[in-house]
Amino acid sequence: MLGLMLACTGVTQLISPVVGYISDRSTSRWGRRRGLMVGGTVTACVGCLGMWYSREHGRGSAYIFSLTVCVFGVNVVYSCYTALLPDFVSSAHMGRASGVMVNT
């Protein structure tokens, strides 16, 4: 069961490049990343509630599904979160705080 849980949560990490691509090109009125972060947070909370409910009622397969949903939401939020710092660093400071190297 532990291996299955690890596999389910590991597969959800494949969404990170897609979320990064979408958030880089987003033009929401809330900002580039905030909408996806809110959606990911809501998804993670729903997954947490599902895990609690599944544990209370002894439903193992529902617990694994809820765990997958929760970690999926966490990965969406984390993908957006890691891009926040480079958004706020000016081009004059690139390479110092963002990890992006610029040839001058």
N, C-alpha and C. Protein backbone atom coordinates (compact mmCIF):
# COMPACT_ATOMS: atom_id res chain seq x y z
N MET A 1 0.83 -1.20 0.00
CA MET A 1 0.00 0.00 0.00
C MET A 1 0.87 1.26 0.00
N LEU A 2 1.97 1.20 0.74
CA LEU A 2 2.84 2.36 0.77
C LEU A 2 3.42 2.64 -0.60
N GLY A 3 3.80 1.58 -1.32
CA GLY A 3 4.31 1.75 -2.68
C GLY A 3 3.27 2.33 -3.62
N LEU A 4 2.03 1.91 -3.48
CA LEU A 4 0.95 2.44 -4.30
C LEU A 4 0.72 3.92 -3.99
N MET A 5 0.75 4.27 -2.71
CA MET A 5 0.56 5.66 -2.32
C MET A 5 1.71 6.52 -2.86
N LEU A 6 2.93 6.00 -2.77
CA LEU A 6 4.08 6.73 -3.27
C LEU A 6 3.99 6.91 -4.78
N ALA A 7 3.54 5.88 -5.49
CA ALA A 7 3.40 5.97 -6.94
C ALA A 7 2.34 7.00 -7.33
N CYS A 8 1.22 7.00 -6.63
CA CYS A 8 0.15 7.96 -6.94
C CYS A 8 0.60 9.39 -6.70
N THR A 9 1.32 9.62 -5.62
CA THR A 9 1.77 10.99 -5.36
C THR A 9 2.92 11.38 -6.28
N GLY A 10 3.73 10.41 -6.68
CA GLY A 10 4.82 10.71 -7.59
C GLY A 10 4.33 11.09 -8.98
N VAL A 11 3.28 10.43 -9.43
CA VAL A 11 2.72 10.73 -10.75
C VAL A 11 2.19 12.17 -10.81
N THR A 12 1.70 12.66 -9.69
CA THR A 12 1.14 14.03 -9.69
C THR A 12 2.21 15.08 -9.93
N GLN A 13 3.47 14.76 -9.73
CA GLN A 13 4.53 15.73 -9.97
C GLN A 13 4.73 16.02 -11.44
N LEU A 14 4.18 15.18 -12.30
CA LEU A 14 4.30 15.40 -13.74
C LEU A 14 3.50 16.62 -14.20
N ILE A 15 2.62 17.13 -13.36
CA ILE A 15 1.81 18.28 -13.72
C ILE A 15 2.60 19.59 -13.61
N SER A 16 3.70 19.58 -12.89
CA SER A 16 4.44 20.82 -12.61
C SER A 16 4.88 21.58 -13.86
N PRO A 17 5.48 20.96 -14.88
CA PRO A 17 5.85 21.74 -16.07
C PRO A 17 4.64 22.33 -16.79
N VAL A 18 3.54 21.61 -16.80
CA VAL A 18 2.33 22.12 -17.46
C VAL A 18 1.79 23.33 -16.71
N VAL A 19 1.76 23.25 -15.38
CA VAL A 19 1.29 24.38 -14.57
C VAL A 19 2.22 25.57 -14.74
N GLY A 20 3.52 25.33 -14.78
CA GLY A 20 4.47 26.42 -15.01
C GLY A 20 4.24 27.10 -16.35
N TYR A 21 4.01 26.31 -17.39
CA TYR A 21 3.74 26.86 -18.72
C TYR A 21 2.47 27.71 -18.71
N ILE A 22 1.43 27.18 -18.09
CA ILE A 22 0.15 27.91 -18.05
C ILE A 22 0.28 29.18 -17.21
N SER A 23 0.94 29.09 -16.07
CA SER A 23 1.04 30.27 -15.20
C SER A 23 1.92 31.35 -15.80
N ASP A 24 2.93 30.97 -16.58
CA ASP A 24 3.78 31.97 -17.24
C ASP A 24 3.01 32.76 -18.29
N ARG A 25 2.00 32.17 -18.87
CA ARG A 25 1.24 32.82 -19.94
C ARG A 25 -0.14 33.29 -19.51
N SER A 26 -0.43 33.18 -18.24
CA SER A 26 -1.75 33.57 -17.73
C SER A 26 -1.90 35.09 -17.71
N THR A 27 -3.09 35.53 -18.02
CA THR A 27 -3.40 36.97 -17.99
C THR A 27 -4.68 37.20 -17.21
N SER A 28 -4.74 36.65 -16.03
CA SER A 28 -5.92 36.80 -15.18
C SER A 28 -5.95 38.18 -14.55
N ARG A 29 -7.13 38.62 -14.17
CA ARG A 29 -7.24 39.92 -13.50
C ARG A 29 -6.66 39.84 -12.08
N TRP A 30 -6.45 38.62 -11.56
CA TRP A 30 -5.85 38.43 -10.24
C TRP A 30 -4.33 38.38 -10.29
N GLY A 31 -3.77 38.37 -11.47
CA GLY A 31 -2.33 38.23 -11.62
C GLY A 31 -1.99 36.94 -12.35
N ARG A 32 -0.72 36.77 -12.61
CA ARG A 32 -0.30 35.63 -13.42
C ARG A 32 -0.46 34.31 -12.70
N ARG A 33 -0.19 34.25 -11.42
CA ARG A 33 -0.14 32.97 -10.73
C ARG A 33 -1.19 32.80 -9.64
N ARG A 34 -1.78 33.88 -9.22
CA ARG A 34 -2.69 33.82 -8.06
C ARG A 34 -3.90 32.92 -8.30
N GLY A 35 -4.49 32.97 -9.47
CA GLY A 35 -5.66 32.14 -9.76
C GLY A 35 -5.35 30.65 -9.66
N LEU A 36 -4.20 30.25 -10.22
CA LEU A 36 -3.81 28.84 -10.12
C LEU A 36 -3.46 28.46 -8.70
N MET A 37 -2.88 29.38 -7.95
CA MET A 37 -2.54 29.08 -6.56
C MET A 37 -3.81 28.89 -5.72
N VAL A 38 -4.81 29.71 -5.96
CA VAL A 38 -6.08 29.56 -5.23
C VAL A 38 -6.74 28.24 -5.61
N GLY A 39 -6.74 27.93 -6.91
CA GLY A 39 -7.32 26.66 -7.35
C GLY A 39 -6.60 25.46 -6.77
N GLY A 40 -5.27 25.52 -6.74
CA GLY A 40 -4.49 24.44 -6.15
C GLY A 40 -4.74 24.29 -4.66
N THR A 41 -4.90 25.44 -3.98
CA THR A 41 -5.17 25.40 -2.54
C THR A 41 -6.53 24.77 -2.25
N VAL A 42 -7.52 25.15 -3.02
CA VAL A 42 -8.86 24.56 -2.84
C VAL A 42 -8.82 23.06 -3.13
N THR A 43 -8.11 22.67 -4.18
CA THR A 43 -7.98 21.25 -4.52
C THR A 43 -7.30 20.48 -3.39
N ALA A 44 -6.23 21.05 -2.83
CA ALA A 44 -5.52 20.39 -1.73
C ALA A 44 -6.42 20.27 -0.50
N CYS A 45 -7.20 21.29 -0.22
CA CYS A 45 -8.10 21.23 0.94
C CYS A 45 -9.19 20.19 0.74
N VAL A 46 -9.73 20.10 -0.47
CA VAL A 46 -10.74 19.07 -0.75
C VAL A 46 -10.13 17.68 -0.59
N GLY A 47 -8.90 17.51 -1.05
CA GLY A 47 -8.22 16.23 -0.88
C GLY A 47 -7.99 15.89 0.59
N CYS A 48 -7.63 16.90 1.39
CA CYS A 48 -7.44 16.67 2.83
C CYS A 48 -8.74 16.25 3.50
N LEU A 49 -9.82 16.92 3.15
CA LEU A 49 -11.12 16.55 3.71
C LEU A 49 -11.52 15.14 3.27
N GLY A 50 -11.20 14.81 2.02
CA GLY A 50 -11.49 13.46 1.53
C GLY A 50 -10.69 12.40 2.26
N MET A 51 -9.42 12.73 2.57
CA MET A 51 -8.61 11.77 3.34
C MET A 51 -9.19 11.57 4.73
N TRP A 52 -9.60 12.64 5.35
CA TRP A 52 -10.20 12.53 6.69
C TRP A 52 -11.46 11.68 6.65
N TYR A 53 -12.34 11.98 5.68
CA TYR A 53 -13.59 11.24 5.55
C TYR A 53 -13.31 9.75 5.28
N SER A 54 -12.38 9.48 4.39
CA SER A 54 -12.05 8.09 4.05
C SER A 54 -11.49 7.34 5.23
N ARG A 55 -10.67 8.01 6.03
CA ARG A 55 -10.11 7.36 7.22
C ARG A 55 -11.19 7.06 8.24
N GLU A 56 -12.08 8.00 8.42
CA GLU A 56 -13.16 7.81 9.39
C GLU A 56 -14.08 6.66 9.02
N HIS A 57 -14.26 6.43 7.73
CA HIS A 57 -15.19 5.41 7.27
C HIS A 57 -14.50 4.15 6.74
N GLY A 58 -13.18 4.08 6.89
CA GLY A 58 -12.44 2.87 6.51
C GLY A 58 -12.45 2.56 5.03
N ARG A 59 -12.35 3.55 4.21
CA ARG A 59 -12.35 3.36 2.75
C ARG A 59 -10.94 3.59 2.20
N GLY A 60 -10.20 2.50 2.02
CA GLY A 60 -8.81 2.59 1.61
C GLY A 60 -8.61 3.16 0.22
N SER A 61 -9.40 2.71 -0.74
CA SER A 61 -9.22 3.19 -2.11
C SER A 61 -9.62 4.66 -2.22
N ALA A 62 -10.64 5.08 -1.49
CA ALA A 62 -11.02 6.49 -1.49
C ALA A 62 -9.94 7.34 -0.83
N TYR A 63 -9.26 6.76 0.17
CA TYR A 63 -8.17 7.48 0.82
C TYR A 63 -7.03 7.72 -0.17
N ILE A 64 -6.67 6.71 -0.93
CA ILE A 64 -5.58 6.87 -1.91
C ILE A 64 -5.97 7.88 -2.98
N PHE A 65 -7.21 7.85 -3.43
CA PHE A 65 -7.67 8.84 -4.41
C PHE A 65 -7.60 10.24 -3.81
N SER A 66 -8.06 10.41 -2.58
CA SER A 66 -8.03 11.72 -1.93
C SER A 66 -6.61 12.20 -1.70
N LEU A 67 -5.72 11.29 -1.37
CA LEU A 67 -4.30 11.64 -1.22
C LEU A 67 -3.74 12.15 -2.54
N THR A 68 -4.09 11.48 -3.62
CA THR A 68 -3.63 11.90 -4.95
C THR A 68 -4.16 13.29 -5.28
N VAL A 69 -5.43 13.55 -4.99
CA VAL A 69 -6.02 14.87 -5.24
C VAL A 69 -5.31 15.94 -4.41
N CYS A 70 -5.07 15.64 -3.14
CA CYS A 70 -4.42 16.59 -2.25
C CYS A 70 -3.01 16.94 -2.73
N VAL A 71 -2.22 15.94 -3.07
CA VAL A 71 -0.85 16.18 -3.50
C VAL A 71 -0.83 16.85 -4.87
N PHE A 72 -1.80 16.57 -5.72
CA PHE A 72 -1.94 17.26 -6.99
C PHE A 72 -2.10 18.76 -6.75
N GLY A 73 -3.00 19.13 -5.83
CA GLY A 73 -3.19 20.54 -5.50
C GLY A 73 -1.94 21.18 -4.93
N VAL A 74 -1.24 20.45 -4.07
CA VAL A 74 0.00 20.97 -3.49
C VAL A 74 1.04 21.20 -4.59
N ASN A 75 1.13 20.30 -5.55
CA ASN A 75 2.09 20.47 -6.65
C ASN A 75 1.73 21.66 -7.53
N VAL A 76 0.47 21.92 -7.73
CA VAL A 76 0.05 23.10 -8.49
C VAL A 76 0.49 24.36 -7.77
N VAL A 77 0.23 24.44 -6.48
CA VAL A 77 0.61 25.61 -5.69
C VAL A 77 2.12 25.77 -5.68
N TYR A 78 2.85 24.69 -5.48
CA TYR A 78 4.30 24.76 -5.40
C TYR A 78 4.91 25.21 -6.72
N SER A 79 4.36 24.75 -7.83
CA SER A 79 4.87 25.16 -9.14
C SER A 79 4.74 26.66 -9.34
N CYS A 80 3.63 27.21 -8.90
CA CYS A 80 3.43 28.66 -9.00
C CYS A 80 4.29 29.41 -8.00
N TYR A 81 4.42 28.86 -6.81
CA TYR A 81 5.19 29.50 -5.74
C TYR A 81 6.65 29.67 -6.12
N THR A 82 7.23 28.66 -6.76
CA THR A 82 8.64 28.74 -7.12
C THR A 82 8.91 29.80 -8.19
N ALA A 83 7.89 30.23 -8.90
CA ALA A 83 8.07 31.25 -9.93
C ALA A 83 7.80 32.66 -9.40
N LEU A 84 7.38 32.80 -8.17
CA LEU A 84 7.07 34.13 -7.64
C LEU A 84 8.31 35.00 -7.48
N LEU A 85 9.39 34.47 -6.95
CA LEU A 85 10.59 35.27 -6.73
C LEU A 85 11.12 35.86 -8.03
N PRO A 86 11.29 35.09 -9.09
CA PRO A 86 11.76 35.70 -10.33
C PRO A 86 10.81 36.76 -10.89
N ASP A 87 9.53 36.68 -10.56
CA ASP A 87 8.59 37.71 -11.02
C ASP A 87 8.88 39.06 -10.41
N PHE A 88 9.42 39.08 -9.19
CA PHE A 88 9.63 40.33 -8.48
C PHE A 88 11.06 40.85 -8.52
N VAL A 89 11.96 40.12 -9.17
CA VAL A 89 13.35 40.56 -9.28
C VAL A 89 13.51 41.34 -10.57
N SER A 90 14.08 42.53 -10.48
CA SER A 90 14.25 43.36 -11.67
C SER A 90 15.32 42.74 -12.57
N SER A 91 15.30 43.13 -13.83
CA SER A 91 16.26 42.56 -14.77
C SER A 91 17.70 42.94 -14.42
N ALA A 92 17.88 44.06 -13.72
CA ALA A 92 19.22 44.46 -13.30
C ALA A 92 19.81 43.51 -12.26
N HIS A 93 18.96 42.81 -11.55
CA HIS A 93 19.42 41.90 -10.50
C HIS A 93 19.31 40.43 -10.90
N MET A 94 19.02 40.16 -12.15
CA MET A 94 18.93 38.77 -12.60
C MET A 94 20.27 38.08 -12.37
N GLY A 95 20.23 36.86 -11.92
CA GLY A 95 21.43 36.10 -11.65
C GLY A 95 21.85 36.15 -10.21
N ARG A 96 21.34 37.12 -9.46
CA ARG A 96 21.67 37.22 -8.05
C ARG A 96 20.67 36.51 -7.17
N ALA A 97 19.38 36.66 -7.47
CA ALA A 97 18.35 36.08 -6.62
C ALA A 97 17.48 35.06 -7.33
N SER A 98 17.43 35.11 -8.65
CA SER A 98 16.46 34.26 -9.34
C SER A 98 17.04 32.96 -9.86
N GLY A 99 18.33 32.86 -9.92
CA GLY A 99 18.94 31.65 -10.47
C GLY A 99 19.08 31.72 -11.97
N VAL A 100 18.66 32.82 -12.60
CA VAL A 100 18.78 32.98 -14.04
C VAL A 100 20.07 33.72 -14.34
N MET A 101 20.88 33.16 -15.19
CA MET A 101 22.14 33.80 -15.55
C MET A 101 21.94 34.62 -16.81
N VAL A 102 22.39 35.88 -16.79
CA VAL A 102 22.27 36.78 -17.92
C VAL A 102 23.68 37.20 -18.33
N ASN A 103 23.99 37.06 -19.59
CA ASN A 103 25.30 37.51 -20.08
C ASN A 103 25.26 39.01 -20.28
N THR A 104 26.26 39.68 -19.72
CA THR A 104 26.31 41.15 -19.88
C THR A 104 27.47 41.58 -20.70
